N, C-alpha and C. Protein backbone atom coordinates (compact mmCIF):
# COMPACT_ATOMS: atom_id res chain seq x y z
N MET A 1 -35.35 -64.40 1.95
CA MET A 1 -34.01 -64.07 2.50
C MET A 1 -33.55 -62.62 1.96
N SER A 2 -32.68 -62.06 2.72
CA SER A 2 -32.29 -60.76 2.45
C SER A 2 -30.85 -60.73 1.91
N TRP A 3 -30.56 -59.62 1.22
CA TRP A 3 -29.21 -59.41 0.72
C TRP A 3 -28.53 -58.40 1.51
N TRP A 4 -27.27 -58.47 1.58
CA TRP A 4 -26.44 -57.59 2.55
C TRP A 4 -25.32 -56.92 1.69
N VAL A 5 -25.05 -55.68 2.01
CA VAL A 5 -23.74 -55.01 1.63
C VAL A 5 -22.98 -54.92 2.85
N VAL A 6 -21.76 -55.40 2.86
CA VAL A 6 -20.88 -55.29 4.08
C VAL A 6 -19.66 -54.50 3.65
N ILE A 7 -19.10 -53.77 4.50
CA ILE A 7 -17.85 -52.92 4.23
C ILE A 7 -16.79 -53.45 5.22
N GLU A 8 -15.66 -53.80 4.73
CA GLU A 8 -14.53 -54.14 5.62
C GLU A 8 -13.48 -53.15 5.22
N GLU A 9 -12.90 -52.62 6.26
CA GLU A 9 -11.81 -51.60 6.00
C GLU A 9 -10.74 -51.69 7.09
N GLN A 10 -9.64 -50.99 6.79
CA GLN A 10 -8.52 -50.88 7.78
C GLN A 10 -8.85 -49.74 8.66
N ARG A 11 -9.29 -49.98 9.85
CA ARG A 11 -9.82 -49.09 10.81
C ARG A 11 -8.68 -48.50 11.75
N THR A 12 -7.53 -48.97 11.69
CA THR A 12 -6.44 -48.39 12.51
C THR A 12 -5.17 -48.18 11.68
N SER A 13 -4.36 -47.40 12.22
CA SER A 13 -3.10 -47.06 11.43
C SER A 13 -2.28 -48.39 11.28
N GLU A 14 -2.50 -49.39 12.12
CA GLU A 14 -1.78 -50.67 11.89
C GLU A 14 -2.31 -51.47 10.78
N ARG A 15 -3.43 -51.05 10.16
CA ARG A 15 -4.14 -51.56 9.01
C ARG A 15 -4.65 -52.98 9.32
N HIS A 16 -5.30 -53.15 10.38
CA HIS A 16 -6.00 -54.36 10.76
C HIS A 16 -7.40 -54.31 10.11
N TRP A 17 -7.83 -55.46 9.54
CA TRP A 17 -9.18 -55.36 8.87
C TRP A 17 -10.25 -55.54 9.88
N ALA A 18 -11.35 -54.91 9.63
CA ALA A 18 -12.60 -54.96 10.50
C ALA A 18 -13.84 -54.73 9.68
N LEU A 19 -14.95 -55.39 10.18
CA LEU A 19 -16.16 -55.06 9.55
C LEU A 19 -16.76 -53.78 10.07
N SER A 20 -16.88 -52.75 9.23
CA SER A 20 -17.19 -51.45 9.65
C SER A 20 -18.65 -51.07 9.51
N GLU A 21 -19.29 -51.63 8.47
CA GLU A 21 -20.65 -51.20 8.12
C GLU A 21 -21.41 -52.48 7.63
N ARG A 22 -22.68 -52.56 7.79
CA ARG A 22 -23.49 -53.54 7.15
C ARG A 22 -24.84 -53.07 6.86
N PHE A 23 -25.46 -53.38 5.72
CA PHE A 23 -26.64 -52.84 5.33
C PHE A 23 -27.59 -53.90 4.70
N SER A 24 -28.79 -54.08 5.17
CA SER A 24 -29.67 -55.12 4.68
C SER A 24 -30.56 -54.51 3.55
N HIS A 25 -30.80 -55.42 2.49
CA HIS A 25 -31.60 -55.01 1.41
C HIS A 25 -32.61 -56.11 1.02
N PRO A 26 -33.68 -55.88 0.47
CA PRO A 26 -34.76 -56.89 0.10
C PRO A 26 -34.38 -57.77 -0.97
N ASP A 27 -33.55 -57.22 -1.91
CA ASP A 27 -33.15 -58.10 -3.04
C ASP A 27 -31.72 -57.84 -3.55
N GLN A 28 -31.34 -58.64 -4.44
CA GLN A 28 -29.93 -58.59 -4.99
C GLN A 28 -29.71 -57.22 -5.72
N GLU A 29 -30.69 -56.97 -6.64
CA GLU A 29 -30.53 -55.72 -7.43
C GLU A 29 -30.33 -54.46 -6.57
N THR A 30 -31.11 -54.34 -5.58
CA THR A 30 -31.06 -53.18 -4.68
C THR A 30 -29.71 -53.25 -3.92
N ALA A 31 -29.26 -54.23 -3.41
CA ALA A 31 -27.98 -54.43 -2.83
C ALA A 31 -26.82 -54.03 -3.68
N GLU A 32 -26.84 -54.57 -4.93
CA GLU A 32 -25.74 -54.26 -5.87
C GLU A 32 -25.75 -52.77 -6.19
N ALA A 33 -26.89 -52.16 -6.36
CA ALA A 33 -26.87 -50.71 -6.65
C ALA A 33 -26.36 -49.89 -5.42
N GLU A 34 -26.71 -50.29 -4.28
CA GLU A 34 -26.15 -49.64 -3.03
C GLU A 34 -24.67 -49.87 -2.94
N ALA A 35 -24.21 -51.03 -3.21
CA ALA A 35 -22.73 -51.25 -3.04
C ALA A 35 -22.01 -50.36 -4.11
N LEU A 36 -22.50 -50.16 -5.35
CA LEU A 36 -21.87 -49.29 -6.22
C LEU A 36 -21.86 -47.83 -5.72
N ARG A 37 -22.98 -47.42 -5.25
CA ARG A 37 -23.10 -46.05 -4.71
C ARG A 37 -22.07 -45.88 -3.62
N LEU A 38 -21.93 -46.86 -2.67
CA LEU A 38 -21.05 -46.78 -1.56
C LEU A 38 -19.56 -46.75 -2.04
N ALA A 39 -19.33 -47.61 -3.02
CA ALA A 39 -18.00 -47.68 -3.56
C ALA A 39 -17.56 -46.29 -4.06
N ARG A 40 -18.42 -45.52 -4.59
CA ARG A 40 -18.07 -44.22 -5.08
C ARG A 40 -18.11 -43.14 -3.96
N GLU A 41 -18.90 -43.30 -2.90
CA GLU A 41 -19.14 -42.15 -2.00
C GLU A 41 -18.74 -42.43 -0.55
N TYR A 42 -18.62 -43.68 -0.15
CA TYR A 42 -18.29 -44.00 1.28
C TYR A 42 -16.99 -43.36 1.68
N GLU A 43 -16.93 -42.82 2.90
CA GLU A 43 -15.78 -42.08 3.41
C GLU A 43 -15.08 -43.10 4.45
N PRO A 44 -13.99 -43.68 4.10
CA PRO A 44 -13.43 -44.65 5.06
C PRO A 44 -12.71 -43.90 6.18
N ALA A 45 -12.37 -44.59 7.26
CA ALA A 45 -11.61 -43.98 8.33
C ALA A 45 -10.24 -43.44 7.89
N TYR A 46 -9.49 -44.14 7.09
CA TYR A 46 -8.24 -43.82 6.58
C TYR A 46 -8.27 -43.76 4.99
N PRO A 47 -7.49 -43.00 4.44
CA PRO A 47 -6.63 -41.95 4.88
C PRO A 47 -7.50 -40.76 5.31
N TRP A 48 -6.95 -39.86 6.17
CA TRP A 48 -7.56 -38.80 6.67
C TRP A 48 -7.81 -37.64 5.59
N SER A 49 -6.98 -37.50 4.66
CA SER A 49 -7.12 -36.49 3.58
C SER A 49 -7.13 -37.16 2.18
N PRO A 50 -8.27 -37.86 1.84
CA PRO A 50 -8.35 -38.49 0.57
C PRO A 50 -8.21 -37.55 -0.55
N LYS A 51 -7.41 -38.00 -1.61
CA LYS A 51 -7.15 -37.16 -2.69
C LYS A 51 -7.89 -37.79 -3.98
N SER A 52 -7.91 -39.16 -4.03
CA SER A 52 -8.45 -39.83 -5.19
C SER A 52 -8.84 -41.22 -4.78
N ARG A 53 -9.69 -41.80 -5.65
CA ARG A 53 -10.12 -43.19 -5.38
C ARG A 53 -10.18 -43.95 -6.70
N LYS A 54 -9.96 -45.30 -6.68
CA LYS A 54 -10.15 -46.11 -7.81
C LYS A 54 -11.19 -47.31 -7.33
N VAL A 55 -12.19 -47.43 -8.09
CA VAL A 55 -13.19 -48.45 -7.75
C VAL A 55 -12.96 -49.65 -8.74
N LEU A 56 -12.69 -50.79 -8.15
CA LEU A 56 -12.48 -52.00 -8.89
C LEU A 56 -13.58 -52.96 -8.71
N ARG A 57 -14.22 -53.47 -9.67
CA ARG A 57 -15.45 -54.40 -9.49
C ARG A 57 -14.83 -55.85 -9.76
N GLY A 58 -15.28 -56.70 -8.90
CA GLY A 58 -14.99 -58.15 -9.06
C GLY A 58 -16.27 -58.99 -8.68
N PRO A 59 -16.06 -60.30 -8.77
CA PRO A 59 -17.21 -61.14 -8.29
C PRO A 59 -17.64 -60.86 -6.93
N GLY A 60 -18.91 -60.50 -6.78
CA GLY A 60 -19.46 -60.31 -5.49
C GLY A 60 -19.25 -58.92 -4.84
N GLY A 61 -18.58 -57.94 -5.57
CA GLY A 61 -18.35 -56.75 -4.84
C GLY A 61 -17.36 -55.81 -5.47
N TYR A 62 -16.78 -55.01 -4.64
CA TYR A 62 -15.78 -53.98 -5.06
C TYR A 62 -14.59 -53.86 -4.12
N VAL A 63 -13.48 -53.54 -4.59
CA VAL A 63 -12.31 -53.02 -3.84
C VAL A 63 -12.14 -51.62 -4.28
N VAL A 64 -11.99 -50.69 -3.25
CA VAL A 64 -11.80 -49.34 -3.52
C VAL A 64 -10.46 -48.89 -2.93
N ILE A 65 -9.58 -48.33 -3.75
CA ILE A 65 -8.34 -47.84 -3.35
C ILE A 65 -8.39 -46.42 -3.21
N VAL A 66 -8.03 -45.95 -2.00
CA VAL A 66 -8.15 -44.55 -1.73
C VAL A 66 -6.79 -43.93 -1.44
N GLU A 67 -6.35 -42.96 -2.25
CA GLU A 67 -5.05 -42.40 -2.07
C GLU A 67 -5.17 -41.12 -1.35
N GLY A 68 -4.37 -40.99 -0.26
CA GLY A 68 -4.36 -39.74 0.62
C GLY A 68 -3.07 -38.99 0.27
N ARG A 69 -2.87 -38.00 0.99
CA ARG A 69 -1.72 -37.17 0.91
C ARG A 69 -0.44 -37.83 1.10
N THR A 70 -0.42 -38.74 2.08
CA THR A 70 0.84 -39.43 2.40
C THR A 70 0.80 -41.01 2.46
N SER A 71 -0.40 -41.56 2.26
CA SER A 71 -0.59 -42.97 2.29
C SER A 71 -1.71 -43.43 1.38
N THR A 72 -1.77 -44.73 1.11
CA THR A 72 -2.93 -45.28 0.33
C THR A 72 -3.49 -46.42 1.18
N PHE A 73 -4.82 -46.39 1.27
CA PHE A 73 -5.59 -47.47 2.00
C PHE A 73 -6.64 -48.02 0.97
N HIS A 74 -7.32 -49.12 1.41
CA HIS A 74 -8.33 -49.74 0.57
C HIS A 74 -9.38 -50.28 1.47
N PHE A 75 -10.61 -50.43 0.87
CA PHE A 75 -11.65 -51.05 1.59
C PHE A 75 -12.44 -51.95 0.63
N ARG A 76 -13.15 -52.85 1.20
CA ARG A 76 -13.95 -53.89 0.37
C ARG A 76 -15.36 -53.74 0.64
N LEU A 77 -16.16 -53.80 -0.44
CA LEU A 77 -17.61 -53.93 -0.31
C LEU A 77 -17.99 -55.31 -0.93
N SER A 78 -18.80 -56.00 -0.12
CA SER A 78 -19.29 -57.26 -0.66
C SER A 78 -20.76 -57.36 -0.61
N VAL A 79 -21.35 -57.93 -1.67
CA VAL A 79 -22.70 -58.19 -1.79
C VAL A 79 -22.99 -59.63 -1.42
N LEU A 80 -23.74 -59.93 -0.42
CA LEU A 80 -23.91 -61.25 0.08
C LEU A 80 -25.35 -61.65 0.36
N GLU A 81 -25.68 -62.81 0.12
CA GLU A 81 -27.07 -63.34 0.34
C GLU A 81 -27.07 -64.04 1.77
N GLU A 82 -28.06 -63.69 2.58
CA GLU A 82 -28.24 -64.34 3.77
C GLU A 82 -28.88 -65.72 3.59
N VAL A 83 -28.39 -66.71 4.13
CA VAL A 83 -28.95 -68.09 3.90
C VAL A 83 -29.46 -68.74 5.19
């Protein structure tokens, strides 16, 4: 079985959630390392002018809060096993 990192984010200004990216990995360790890298480096669709980010780790992944010049958005990264 493979492990996946999936990114869900608010892709429109109406803040509707959508699956925006997915990446397959051969094992859990590799998937978790990639999820952490993406939590720190992934550039979400919104906000347009990111100023800062907070990375929060929880069971199975991360929530990343990105503060822009005029608004705050967040996205989720989940580490999931294909069954």
